[in-house]
Amino acid sequence: MSAPNPTPSGSRFLYDSFDAASARIEANERVSKLQFATLEQRLGRIEVMIERLERRLWLAVYGVVGVILAQGVASLLDMAPK
């Protein structure tokens, strides 16, 4: 009888396909991490732009209210007895 062979027998191509698949999975994971990082950066920029737009809109609202109040005060002053 011969001694048991400690090295795996069979074709190396049986194991190479698993190595290629795991390398492909790792590459896909790295790409997805980069995509999520880029997405987070874009969302951060969008949030900053939305905050700026919100400030501008409130400034416009306050401006319109100020003009309306100024016209009301002006009309009250015109109606006051002289």
N, C-alpha and C. Protein backbone atom coordinates (compact mmCIF):
# COMPACT_ATOMS: atom_id res chain seq x y z
N MET A 1 0.83 -1.17 0.00
CA MET A 1 0.00 0.00 0.00
C MET A 1 0.87 1.24 0.00
N SER A 2 0.36 2.26 -0.60
CA SER A 2 1.12 3.50 -0.65
C SER A 2 0.61 4.45 0.45
N ALA A 3 1.46 5.39 0.81
CA ALA A 3 1.11 6.36 1.85
C ALA A 3 0.12 7.37 1.25
N PRO A 4 -0.78 7.92 2.07
CA PRO A 4 -1.75 8.91 1.55
C PRO A 4 -1.02 10.16 1.06
N ASN A 5 -1.51 10.69 0.00
CA ASN A 5 -0.92 11.87 -0.63
C ASN A 5 -1.42 13.12 0.11
N PRO A 6 -0.51 13.94 0.76
CA PRO A 6 -0.97 15.11 1.51
C PRO A 6 -1.40 16.27 0.61
N THR A 7 -0.93 16.33 -0.61
CA THR A 7 -1.33 17.41 -1.51
C THR A 7 -2.62 17.04 -2.20
N PRO A 8 -3.47 18.03 -2.47
CA PRO A 8 -4.73 17.71 -3.14
C PRO A 8 -4.48 17.23 -4.55
N SER A 9 -5.22 16.26 -4.93
CA SER A 9 -5.07 15.75 -6.29
C SER A 9 -6.16 16.36 -7.16
N GLY A 10 -5.96 16.31 -8.41
CA GLY A 10 -6.94 16.85 -9.34
C GLY A 10 -6.33 17.99 -10.12
N SER A 11 -7.14 18.53 -10.96
CA SER A 11 -6.69 19.59 -11.84
C SER A 11 -6.61 20.93 -11.10
N ARG A 12 -5.62 21.70 -11.43
CA ARG A 12 -5.51 23.03 -10.83
C ARG A 12 -6.62 23.94 -11.32
N PHE A 13 -7.22 23.61 -12.45
CA PHE A 13 -8.30 24.43 -13.01
C PHE A 13 -9.56 24.36 -12.15
N LEU A 14 -9.67 23.33 -11.32
CA LEU A 14 -10.80 23.26 -10.41
C LEU A 14 -10.73 24.37 -9.37
N TYR A 15 -9.53 24.73 -8.96
CA TYR A 15 -9.36 25.73 -7.92
C TYR A 15 -9.18 27.13 -8.49
N ASP A 16 -8.65 27.23 -9.69
CA ASP A 16 -8.44 28.55 -10.31
C ASP A 16 -9.75 29.29 -10.54
N SER A 17 -10.80 28.58 -10.88
CA SER A 17 -12.07 29.25 -11.12
C SER A 17 -12.60 29.89 -9.85
N PHE A 18 -12.38 29.27 -8.71
CA PHE A 18 -12.82 29.85 -7.45
C PHE A 18 -12.00 31.09 -7.11
N ASP A 19 -10.71 31.06 -7.41
CA ASP A 19 -9.87 32.23 -7.16
C ASP A 19 -10.30 33.40 -8.04
N ALA A 20 -10.62 33.13 -9.29
CA ALA A 20 -11.06 34.19 -10.19
C ALA A 20 -12.40 34.75 -9.74
N ALA A 21 -13.28 33.88 -9.28
CA ALA A 21 -14.60 34.34 -8.83
C ALA A 21 -14.46 35.20 -7.58
N SER A 22 -13.61 34.80 -6.65
CA SER A 22 -13.45 35.60 -5.44
C SER A 22 -12.78 36.93 -5.76
N ALA A 23 -11.85 36.95 -6.71
CA ALA A 23 -11.23 38.21 -7.11
C ALA A 23 -12.25 39.12 -7.77
N ARG A 24 -13.14 38.55 -8.55
CA ARG A 24 -14.18 39.33 -9.20
C ARG A 24 -15.14 39.90 -8.15
N ILE A 25 -15.47 39.10 -7.14
CA ILE A 25 -16.35 39.58 -6.08
C ILE A 25 -15.69 40.71 -5.30
N GLU A 26 -14.41 40.55 -5.00
CA GLU A 26 -13.69 41.60 -4.27
C GLU A 26 -13.63 42.89 -5.09
N ALA A 27 -13.42 42.75 -6.38
CA ALA A 27 -13.39 43.94 -7.25
C ALA A 27 -14.75 44.62 -7.27
N ASN A 28 -15.81 43.83 -7.34
CA ASN A 28 -17.15 44.41 -7.33
C ASN A 28 -17.45 45.10 -6.00
N GLU A 29 -16.97 44.53 -4.91
CA GLU A 29 -17.18 45.15 -3.61
C GLU A 29 -16.44 46.48 -3.52
N ARG A 30 -15.22 46.54 -4.04
CA ARG A 30 -14.47 47.79 -4.02
C ARG A 30 -15.16 48.85 -4.88
N VAL A 31 -15.66 48.43 -6.03
CA VAL A 31 -16.36 49.37 -6.92
C VAL A 31 -17.63 49.89 -6.24
N SER A 32 -18.37 49.00 -5.59
CA SER A 32 -19.59 49.44 -4.92
C SER A 32 -19.28 50.37 -3.76
N LYS A 33 -18.18 50.13 -3.03
CA LYS A 33 -17.79 51.05 -1.95
C LYS A 33 -17.46 52.43 -2.51
N LEU A 34 -16.75 52.46 -3.64
CA LEU A 34 -16.44 53.74 -4.26
C LEU A 34 -17.71 54.45 -4.74
N GLN A 35 -18.63 53.68 -5.29
CA GLN A 35 -19.88 54.28 -5.77
C GLN A 35 -20.68 54.86 -4.61
N PHE A 36 -20.73 54.14 -3.48
CA PHE A 36 -21.46 54.66 -2.33
C PHE A 36 -20.77 55.89 -1.75
N ALA A 37 -19.45 55.90 -1.73
CA ALA A 37 -18.72 57.08 -1.24
C ALA A 37 -19.01 58.28 -2.13
N THR A 38 -19.01 58.07 -3.43
CA THR A 38 -19.32 59.16 -4.37
C THR A 38 -20.75 59.62 -4.20
N LEU A 39 -21.65 58.69 -3.99
CA LEU A 39 -23.06 59.03 -3.79
C LEU A 39 -23.24 59.86 -2.53
N GLU A 40 -22.53 59.50 -1.46
CA GLU A 40 -22.61 60.27 -0.22
C GLU A 40 -22.08 61.69 -0.42
N GLN A 41 -21.00 61.83 -1.19
CA GLN A 41 -20.46 63.16 -1.47
C GLN A 41 -21.46 63.99 -2.27
N ARG A 42 -22.08 63.38 -3.25
CA ARG A 42 -23.06 64.10 -4.06
C ARG A 42 -24.26 64.51 -3.21
N LEU A 43 -24.72 63.61 -2.36
CA LEU A 43 -25.85 63.95 -1.49
C LEU A 43 -25.49 65.09 -0.55
N GLY A 44 -24.26 65.09 -0.06
CA GLY A 44 -23.82 66.19 0.80
C GLY A 44 -23.85 67.51 0.07
N ARG A 45 -23.38 67.51 -1.18
CA ARG A 45 -23.41 68.74 -1.97
C ARG A 45 -24.84 69.18 -2.25
N ILE A 46 -25.72 68.22 -2.51
CA ILE A 46 -27.13 68.55 -2.78
C ILE A 46 -27.77 69.16 -1.53
N GLU A 47 -27.45 68.60 -0.36
CA GLU A 47 -28.01 69.14 0.87
C GLU A 47 -27.54 70.58 1.10
N VAL A 48 -26.28 70.86 0.81
CA VAL A 48 -25.76 72.23 0.96
C VAL A 48 -26.49 73.17 0.01
N MET A 49 -26.69 72.73 -1.24
CA MET A 49 -27.39 73.57 -2.20
C MET A 49 -28.84 73.81 -1.79
N ILE A 50 -29.48 72.80 -1.22
CA ILE A 50 -30.87 72.96 -0.77
C ILE A 50 -30.94 73.96 0.39
N GLU A 51 -29.97 73.90 1.30
CA GLU A 51 -29.94 74.86 2.41
C GLU A 51 -29.76 76.28 1.90
N ARG A 52 -28.89 76.47 0.92
CA ARG A 52 -28.70 77.79 0.34
C ARG A 52 -29.98 78.29 -0.32
N LEU A 53 -30.62 77.39 -1.07
CA LEU A 53 -31.86 77.76 -1.74
C LEU A 53 -32.93 78.12 -0.71
N GLU A 54 -32.99 77.37 0.37
CA GLU A 54 -33.98 77.65 1.41
C GLU A 54 -33.75 79.04 2.02
N ARG A 55 -32.48 79.37 2.27
CA ARG A 55 -32.17 80.71 2.81
C ARG A 55 -32.62 81.79 1.83
N ARG A 56 -32.35 81.58 0.55
CA ARG A 56 -32.73 82.58 -0.45
C ARG A 56 -34.25 82.73 -0.52
N LEU A 57 -34.96 81.61 -0.44
CA LEU A 57 -36.42 81.68 -0.49
C LEU A 57 -36.98 82.43 0.71
N TRP A 58 -36.44 82.16 1.91
CA TRP A 58 -36.91 82.88 3.09
C TRP A 58 -36.59 84.37 2.98
N LEU A 59 -35.44 84.69 2.43
CA LEU A 59 -35.09 86.10 2.23
C LEU A 59 -36.09 86.76 1.28
N ALA A 60 -36.47 86.05 0.23
CA ALA A 60 -37.46 86.59 -0.71
C ALA A 60 -38.82 86.77 -0.02
N VAL A 61 -39.21 85.78 0.80
CA VAL A 61 -40.49 85.89 1.51
C VAL A 61 -40.47 87.09 2.45
N TYR A 62 -39.39 87.24 3.21
CA TYR A 62 -39.29 88.38 4.12
C TYR A 62 -39.28 89.70 3.35
N GLY A 63 -38.65 89.71 2.19
CA GLY A 63 -38.64 90.91 1.37
C GLY A 63 -40.03 91.29 0.90
N VAL A 64 -40.80 90.30 0.44
CA VAL A 64 -42.16 90.56 -0.02
C VAL A 64 -43.03 91.05 1.14
N VAL A 65 -42.90 90.41 2.29
CA VAL A 65 -43.67 90.84 3.47
C VAL A 65 -43.28 92.26 3.87
N GLY A 66 -41.99 92.56 3.80
CA GLY A 66 -41.54 93.91 4.12
C GLY A 66 -42.11 94.95 3.19
N VAL A 67 -42.16 94.65 1.91
CA VAL A 67 -42.72 95.59 0.93
C VAL A 67 -44.20 95.79 1.19
N ILE A 68 -44.92 94.72 1.48
CA ILE A 68 -46.36 94.84 1.75
C ILE A 68 -46.59 95.66 3.01
N LEU A 69 -45.80 95.40 4.04
CA LEU A 69 -45.96 96.19 5.27
C LEU A 69 -45.60 97.66 5.03
N ALA A 70 -44.58 97.92 4.25
CA ALA A 70 -44.19 99.29 3.95
C ALA A 70 -45.30 100.01 3.19
N GLN A 71 -45.94 99.33 2.26
CA GLN A 71 -47.05 99.95 1.52
C GLN A 71 -48.23 100.21 2.44
N GLY A 72 -48.48 99.28 3.37
CA GLY A 72 -49.57 99.49 4.33
C GLY A 72 -49.30 100.68 5.23
N VAL A 73 -48.08 100.79 5.72
CA VAL A 73 -47.73 101.93 6.56
C VAL A 73 -47.81 103.23 5.77
N ALA A 74 -47.36 103.20 4.53
CA ALA A 74 -47.42 104.40 3.68
C ALA A 74 -48.86 104.82 3.44
N SER A 75 -49.74 103.87 3.22
CA SER A 75 -51.15 104.23 2.99
C SER A 75 -51.79 104.75 4.27
N LEU A 76 -51.37 104.23 5.42
CA LEU A 76 -51.89 104.74 6.69
C LEU A 76 -51.39 106.17 6.92
N LEU A 77 -50.18 106.45 6.57
CA LEU A 77 -49.65 107.79 6.74
C LEU A 77 -50.32 108.78 5.80
N ASP A 78 -50.70 108.33 4.62
CA ASP A 78 -51.40 109.20 3.66
C ASP A 78 -52.81 109.54 4.15
N MET A 79 -53.42 108.60 4.86
CA MET A 79 -54.78 108.81 5.35
C MET A 79 -54.80 109.61 6.65
N ALA A 80 -53.70 109.77 7.29
CA ALA A 80 -53.66 110.51 8.57
C ALA A 80 -53.97 111.98 8.32
N PRO A 81 -54.68 112.59 9.27
CA PRO A 81 -55.01 114.01 9.11
C PRO A 81 -53.76 114.88 9.17
N LYS A 82 -53.78 115.93 8.39
CA LYS A 82 -52.60 116.80 8.31
C LYS A 82 -52.84 118.10 8.99
